[in-house]
Every structure is written in C-alpha cells, then in structure tokens.
Protein backbone atom coordinates (compact mmCIF):
# COMPACT_ATOMS: atom_id res chain seq x y z
CA MET A 1 120.16 137.72 118.08
CA SER A 2 122.94 135.69 120.00
CA GLY A 3 121.85 131.60 120.47
CA SER A 4 118.70 131.94 118.24
CA THR A 5 118.25 129.26 115.52
CA ALA A 6 116.94 130.25 112.30
CA LEU A 7 114.08 128.42 110.67
CA PRO A 8 113.88 127.51 106.94
CA GLN A 9 111.58 128.81 104.65
CA ASN A 10 108.40 128.45 105.83
CA GLY A 11 109.14 128.02 109.20
CA SER A 12 108.11 124.81 111.09
CA ALA A 13 106.87 123.36 107.65
CA ALA A 14 110.03 121.34 107.12
CA LEU A 15 110.06 119.92 110.35
CA PRO A 16 108.71 116.38 111.36
CA LEU A 17 105.03 116.67 111.78
CA ARG A 18 104.08 116.69 115.42
CA ILE A 19 100.74 116.89 117.26
CA THR A 20 101.25 120.24 118.65
CA PRO A 21 98.91 123.37 118.85
CA ALA A 22 100.78 124.77 116.13
CA LEU A 23 99.20 121.64 114.03
CA PHE A 24 95.80 122.38 115.25
CA LEU A 25 96.02 126.28 114.07
CA SER A 26 97.57 125.14 110.54
CA GLY A 27 93.98 123.66 110.04
CA ARG A 28 92.82 127.31 109.41
CA ARG A 29 95.52 127.90 106.35
CA ALA A 30 94.49 123.77 105.54
CA ARG A 31 91.23 125.10 105.41
CA LYS A 32 92.35 127.46 102.18
CA VAL A 33 93.44 124.28 100.18
CA VAL A 34 89.97 122.53 100.55
CA GLU A 35 88.17 125.86 99.25
CA ARG A 36 90.33 125.48 96.30
CA ASN A 37 89.31 121.95 95.90
CA ILE A 38 85.75 122.93 95.80
CA LEU A 39 86.33 125.58 93.28
CA VAL A 40 87.86 123.32 91.20
CA TYR A 41 85.05 120.34 91.18
CA ARG A 42 82.14 122.80 91.23
CA ARG A 43 81.87 121.85 87.42
CA GLY A 44 83.25 118.54 87.49
CA TRP A 45 80.78 117.03 89.99
CA VAL A 46 80.71 114.17 87.89
CA PHE A 47 84.34 112.91 88.60
CA PHE A 48 83.81 113.80 92.33
CA VAL A 49 80.50 111.42 92.50
CA SER A 50 82.36 108.60 90.04
CA GLY A 51 84.03 106.48 92.65
CA PHE A 52 80.48 105.87 94.46
CA PHE A 53 79.33 103.96 91.48
CA GLU A 54 81.33 100.86 91.30
CA PRO A 55 80.43 99.31 94.98
CA PHE A 56 77.24 100.67 94.68
CA PHE A 57 76.67 98.49 91.25
CA TYR A 58 78.16 95.62 93.06
CA LEU A 59 75.76 95.97 95.86
CA LEU A 60 73.15 95.97 93.02
CA SER A 61 74.18 93.07 91.08
CA ILE A 62 74.46 91.04 94.28
CA GLY A 63 71.22 91.53 95.34
CA VAL A 64 69.45 90.68 92.29
CA GLY A 65 71.31 87.56 91.68
CA LEU A 66 73.83 86.18 93.89
CA ASN A 67 72.01 86.74 96.89
CA LYS A 68 69.43 83.83 95.62
CA LEU A 69 72.39 81.66 95.02
CA VAL A 70 74.51 81.54 97.90
CA GLY A 71 71.67 82.39 100.40
CA HIS A 72 72.57 82.83 104.08
CA LEU A 73 75.88 83.12 105.80
CA PRO A 74 76.84 83.04 109.50
CA LEU A 75 77.34 86.09 111.61
CA GLY A 76 78.00 86.36 115.01
CA GLY A 77 76.00 83.26 116.01
CA HIS A 78 73.29 84.22 113.36
CA THR A 79 72.68 83.72 109.67
CA VAL A 80 72.09 86.89 107.43
CA ALA A 81 71.05 87.16 103.80
CA TYR A 82 74.46 87.04 101.37
CA THR A 83 73.61 90.79 100.43
CA ALA A 84 73.45 91.69 103.85
CA TYR A 85 76.86 89.91 104.58
CA VAL A 86 78.47 91.86 101.72
CA ALA A 87 77.33 95.35 102.09
CA PRO A 88 79.37 96.29 104.79
CA GLY A 89 82.26 95.45 103.21
CA LEU A 90 81.67 97.16 100.11
CA LEU A 91 80.77 100.58 102.11
CA ALA A 92 84.62 99.81 103.19
CA SER A 93 85.60 99.29 99.80
CA SER A 94 83.57 102.68 98.51
CA ALA A 95 85.25 104.47 101.06
CA MET A 96 89.10 102.94 100.03
CA ASN A 97 88.20 103.91 96.59
CA GLY A 98 87.16 107.42 97.22
CA ALA A 99 90.31 108.13 99.62
CA VAL A 100 92.74 106.49 96.92
CA PHE A 101 91.47 108.34 93.90
CA ASP A 102 92.06 111.51 95.49
CA SER A 103 95.07 110.64 97.41
CA THR A 104 96.95 109.34 94.44
CA PHE A 105 96.33 110.48 90.86
CA ASN A 106 95.12 114.21 92.06
CA ILE A 107 98.02 114.63 94.25
CA PHE A 108 100.64 113.29 91.64
CA PHE A 109 99.02 115.57 88.91
CA LYS A 110 99.21 118.75 91.41
CA LEU A 111 102.80 118.04 92.60
CA ARG A 112 103.98 116.56 89.37
CA ILE A 113 102.64 118.07 86.27
CA ALA A 114 100.75 121.22 87.52
CA LYS A 115 103.00 122.37 89.94
CA THR A 116 100.12 123.38 92.20
CA TYR A 117 101.96 123.16 95.58
CA ASP A 118 104.95 125.02 94.01
CA ALA A 119 102.36 127.95 93.56
CA MET A 120 100.86 127.18 97.23
CA LEU A 121 104.47 127.52 98.87
CA SER A 122 104.51 131.02 97.64
CA THR A 123 101.91 131.84 99.84
CA PRO A 124 101.96 131.70 103.54
CA LEU A 125 100.78 127.93 103.28
CA ALA A 126 103.39 125.33 104.33
CA PRO A 127 103.86 121.78 103.33
CA THR A 128 102.08 120.74 106.71
CA ASP A 129 98.98 123.09 105.62
CA ILE A 130 99.11 121.32 102.32
CA ALA A 131 98.92 117.58 103.72
CA LEU A 132 96.06 118.56 106.01
CA GLY A 133 94.19 120.70 103.38
CA GLU A 134 94.36 117.43 100.74
CA LEU A 135 93.56 114.84 103.55
CA ALA A 136 90.62 117.01 104.83
CA TRP A 137 89.51 117.37 100.92
CA ALA A 138 89.96 113.27 100.83
CA LEU A 139 87.84 112.71 104.17
CA MET A 140 85.10 115.00 102.95
CA ARG A 141 84.73 113.07 99.75
CA GLY A 142 84.92 109.77 101.42
CA SER A 143 82.37 110.93 103.81
CA ILE A 144 79.96 111.76 100.72
CA TYR A 145 80.50 108.52 99.37
CA SER A 146 80.25 106.66 102.70
CA ALA A 147 76.54 108.35 103.84
CA ALA A 148 75.49 107.67 100.22
CA PHE A 149 76.24 104.25 100.11
CA LEU A 150 74.96 103.70 103.44
CA GLY A 151 71.91 105.53 102.49
CA ALA A 152 71.56 102.77 99.65
CA MET A 153 72.18 99.95 102.04
CA ALA A 154 69.32 101.22 104.12
CA GLY A 155 67.03 101.93 101.32
CA PHE A 156 67.59 98.43 100.16
CA GLY A 157 67.14 96.76 103.72
CA TYR A 158 70.53 95.51 104.01
CA VAL A 159 71.29 97.37 107.23
CA LEU A 160 71.09 94.67 110.16
CA THR A 161 70.47 96.77 113.27
CA PRO A 162 70.18 100.33 114.40
CA TRP A 163 73.91 100.32 115.60
CA ALA A 164 74.67 100.74 111.39
CA ILE A 165 74.93 104.18 111.97
CA LEU A 166 78.31 103.80 113.36
CA CYS A 167 79.07 102.23 110.30
CA PHE A 168 79.53 106.05 109.06
CA PRO A 169 82.33 107.08 111.35
CA ALA A 170 84.18 103.76 111.02
CA ALA A 171 84.15 104.53 106.97
CA VAL A 172 85.62 107.86 107.52
CA LEU A 173 88.08 106.34 109.65
CA THR A 174 89.10 103.83 106.75
CA THR A 175 88.95 106.59 104.31
CA PHE A 176 91.51 108.53 106.56
CA ALA A 177 93.82 105.65 106.93
CA PHE A 178 94.14 105.37 102.93
CA ALA A 179 94.34 108.80 102.25
CA GLY A 180 97.18 109.24 104.74
CA VAL A 181 99.09 106.13 103.04
CA GLY A 182 97.95 106.99 99.50
CA MET A 183 99.33 110.54 99.76
CA ALA A 184 102.75 109.57 101.21
CA ALA A 185 103.31 106.75 98.31
CA THR A 186 102.17 109.47 95.83
CA SER A 187 105.05 111.60 97.16
CA TYR A 188 107.58 108.86 96.25
CA MET A 189 106.25 108.15 92.63
CA ARG A 190 107.99 109.62 89.46
CA SER A 191 105.93 108.80 86.53
CA TRP A 192 102.28 107.85 85.59
CA GLN A 193 103.52 104.37 85.40
CA ASP A 194 103.85 104.01 88.69
CA PHE A 195 100.44 103.94 89.22
CA ASP A 196 99.99 100.48 87.74
CA LYS A 197 101.27 99.44 91.53
CA VAL A 198 98.39 101.28 93.10
CA SER A 199 96.09 99.09 90.91
CA LEU A 200 98.17 96.04 91.89
CA ALA A 201 97.94 96.60 95.60
CA ILE A 202 94.11 97.96 95.41
CA ILE A 203 92.49 94.94 93.27
CA PRO A 204 93.85 92.22 95.54
CA LEU A 205 92.64 94.29 98.86
CA PHE A 206 89.17 94.75 97.41
CA LEU A 207 89.09 90.96 96.43
CA PHE A 208 90.73 89.09 99.34
CA SER A 209 89.82 91.33 102.31
CA ALA A 210 87.09 89.19 103.48
CA THR A 211 84.84 91.68 101.47
CA PHE A 212 82.68 88.83 99.63
CA TYR A 213 83.51 85.56 101.83
CA PRO A 214 83.95 85.00 105.44
CA LEU A 215 87.46 84.74 106.67
CA SER A 216 87.06 81.27 107.46
CA VAL A 217 86.90 79.97 103.65
CA TYR A 218 90.50 80.82 103.23
CA PRO A 219 93.41 78.78 103.83
CA ALA A 220 94.98 79.25 107.27
CA TRP A 221 98.07 80.83 105.76
CA LEU A 222 96.21 83.20 104.06
CA GLN A 223 93.91 84.14 107.02
CA VAL A 224 97.05 85.30 108.62
CA VAL A 225 97.93 87.77 105.72
CA VAL A 226 94.54 88.90 105.29
CA ARG A 227 94.12 89.67 108.69
CA CYS A 228 97.03 92.07 108.55
CA THR A 229 95.71 94.21 105.27
CA PRO A 230 94.15 97.41 106.02
CA LEU A 231 90.98 96.90 104.16
CA TYR A 232 90.04 94.01 106.04
CA GLN A 233 90.55 96.41 109.34
CA GLY A 234 87.73 98.26 108.08
CA VAL A 235 85.63 95.44 106.42
CA ALA A 236 85.75 93.79 109.73
CA MET A 237 85.06 96.89 111.78
CA ILE A 238 82.03 98.02 109.76
CA ARG A 239 80.52 94.59 109.66
CA GLY A 240 80.56 94.11 113.27
CA LEU A 241 79.04 97.48 114.01
CA ASP A 242 76.24 96.94 111.33
CA ALA A 243 75.58 93.67 112.90
CA GLY A 244 75.98 95.21 116.65
CA LEU A 245 78.85 92.80 117.29
CA PHE A 246 80.81 94.67 119.90
CA SER A 247 84.06 93.37 121.00
CA TRP A 248 87.54 94.70 121.62
CA SER A 249 89.03 93.67 118.14
CA ILE A 250 86.76 96.75 116.88
CA LEU A 251 88.87 99.05 118.91
CA GLY A 252 91.84 97.14 117.68
CA HIS A 253 90.78 97.68 114.06
CA ALA A 254 90.24 101.41 114.50
CA VAL A 255 93.80 102.01 116.42
CA TYR A 256 95.35 100.13 113.32
CA LEU A 257 93.59 102.62 110.75
CA GLY A 258 94.03 105.58 113.04
CA ILE A 259 97.62 105.03 113.11
CA MET A 260 98.06 104.12 109.49
CA GLY A 261 96.69 107.25 108.87
CA VAL A 262 98.53 109.52 111.22
CA VAL A 263 101.98 107.92 109.79
CA GLY A 264 101.06 108.75 106.32
CA LEU A 265 100.09 112.62 107.19
CA GLY A 266 103.54 112.96 108.81
CA VAL A 267 105.43 111.20 105.69
CA THR A 268 103.55 113.39 103.30
CA ALA A 269 104.44 116.70 105.20
CA ARG A 270 107.70 115.86 105.32
CA ARG A 271 108.30 114.48 101.68
CA LEU A 272 106.22 117.79 100.43
CA ALA A 273 108.67 119.57 102.48
CA THR A 274 111.83 117.78 101.43
CA LEU A 275 110.54 117.91 97.31
CA LEU A 276 109.27 121.51 97.08
CA LEU A 277 111.18 123.44 99.74
CA PRO A 278 115.06 125.05 98.99
C-alpha cells in the first residue's frame, strides 16, 4: 500500500517505550510471563523467600542487642527506640533486595544463558511485553517481602503509628524503582563477573543510606551524596510514613523513585529489542 511504513518483526516492540493505550494492552500478554515465573518457582519456593531473611535477621539482632546499647534517637521532634528507627530502613532494604535479585541474576540467566527470551519472542510476545512481565513479577516478589517484613515489624511492636500501613505501597514503589534500573543494567552485562559491580553498588547503598543512623551523623559532603542515592529515597519516605511525618519531601522521594522505575523499564524494552530482534 502506497505511503505505508513497514514495521519490524514484532511490530511496535522495537520502538521506544511510551505510555500509550498499546502499552496497557500489552499487559495482557505480559501476564503470560508472570504465569511462567509462577510455574517455575512453584517448587523452588525456598529461593523465592530467601531475600526476606537477611533484613529480618538484622532487625531481630538489633532488637535483641543494639537497641539496648544505642537507646533512643530523635525523629520528627520525638524520640523513638533504635529498633523502631531502623525498622523502616530495613523494610526499604528488603524491597531493594527482592527487586535486585530478580532483575539482575534471573534476568541475566534468561537472557544470556538459557535464551528464554529468544523462545518467548517466537510467540506473539514482544520485548515490551517481556519487560513488563518481568517487572510485574519483581513487584509481586517485592510486595510479598514488604508485606511479610511489615507484619514482622508490627508483631515485634516496632510500628510507630497507624500510618505505617502506607509503608507497604511505599516499599512497592521502591521495588519498582530498583527492578526497573536493575533490568536495564543487566541488559548491558556480558558475563557473571559483571555481578561484582552489583554488589559494589548494593552494599554501600545498604550501609550508607541512613538505614542505621540519622543523616546528621554523616559529614556535610557525605550528606549531600546520601540524599541523592535511590535507597535513601525509600528509607526516608518509609520512615516518615511510619512516624506519620507528612511533608512535601515524601512526594519528592516518590517522584524520584517513580521516574527511576519508568526510565529503567523504557531502557530495558529498547535493549531487549536491540539484542533479540533481527
């Protein structure tokens, strides 16, 4: 037909990701990716829940030991027990851990080793569908970690106010941000050795995002660096919601994480199209 433009294989899949009705329609196909992951993990549930335990044991050990040594810390004009101060930060860390595990190691294995995505693209699925499906799966996993950890916080009495219920969607947003960026970064990895860079990024974030200490204890120059890090956004947002401290800064943290996740998703979709489509 004269004047028409031929689309590449899988149609709009190779085009840049845009928030359009077509993107939402692709969610139906992305659901198939989620269903596949559920079937795969049906008998490997131990690996599914493993990412929850590290921050949980941190919380338990702090409650048993460090809480008595440190005492209380200031938060929003009040003083709170050290464990109650640290718990929201560990919730954010739990959300990050779940997102990073699924969006790096698992994505790399499917992309480079098992060639799972090559097989998926022989079906009506497009790269955008795969990216959305894997992101949805990471969100499901992160949501389970977050809900379980928040339940543990409540059970131990580390929840400060009823507003803590809002910590759950905040943790899911944190998962979204790290899953999006994690998938995008993984699409550039060429070997297992590249995962050393993942640890090099995650461990400093875990230790230096005001997770365990107030931001005021850091030197002035380091405070500026910490304020710009992604995990700090989740820690500050969840800690503020847990304490019922509402301010415009919470909205700023949410916008930061939302943009981070959307950009990561867009990059992932384009990279999968570049790597997998002829």
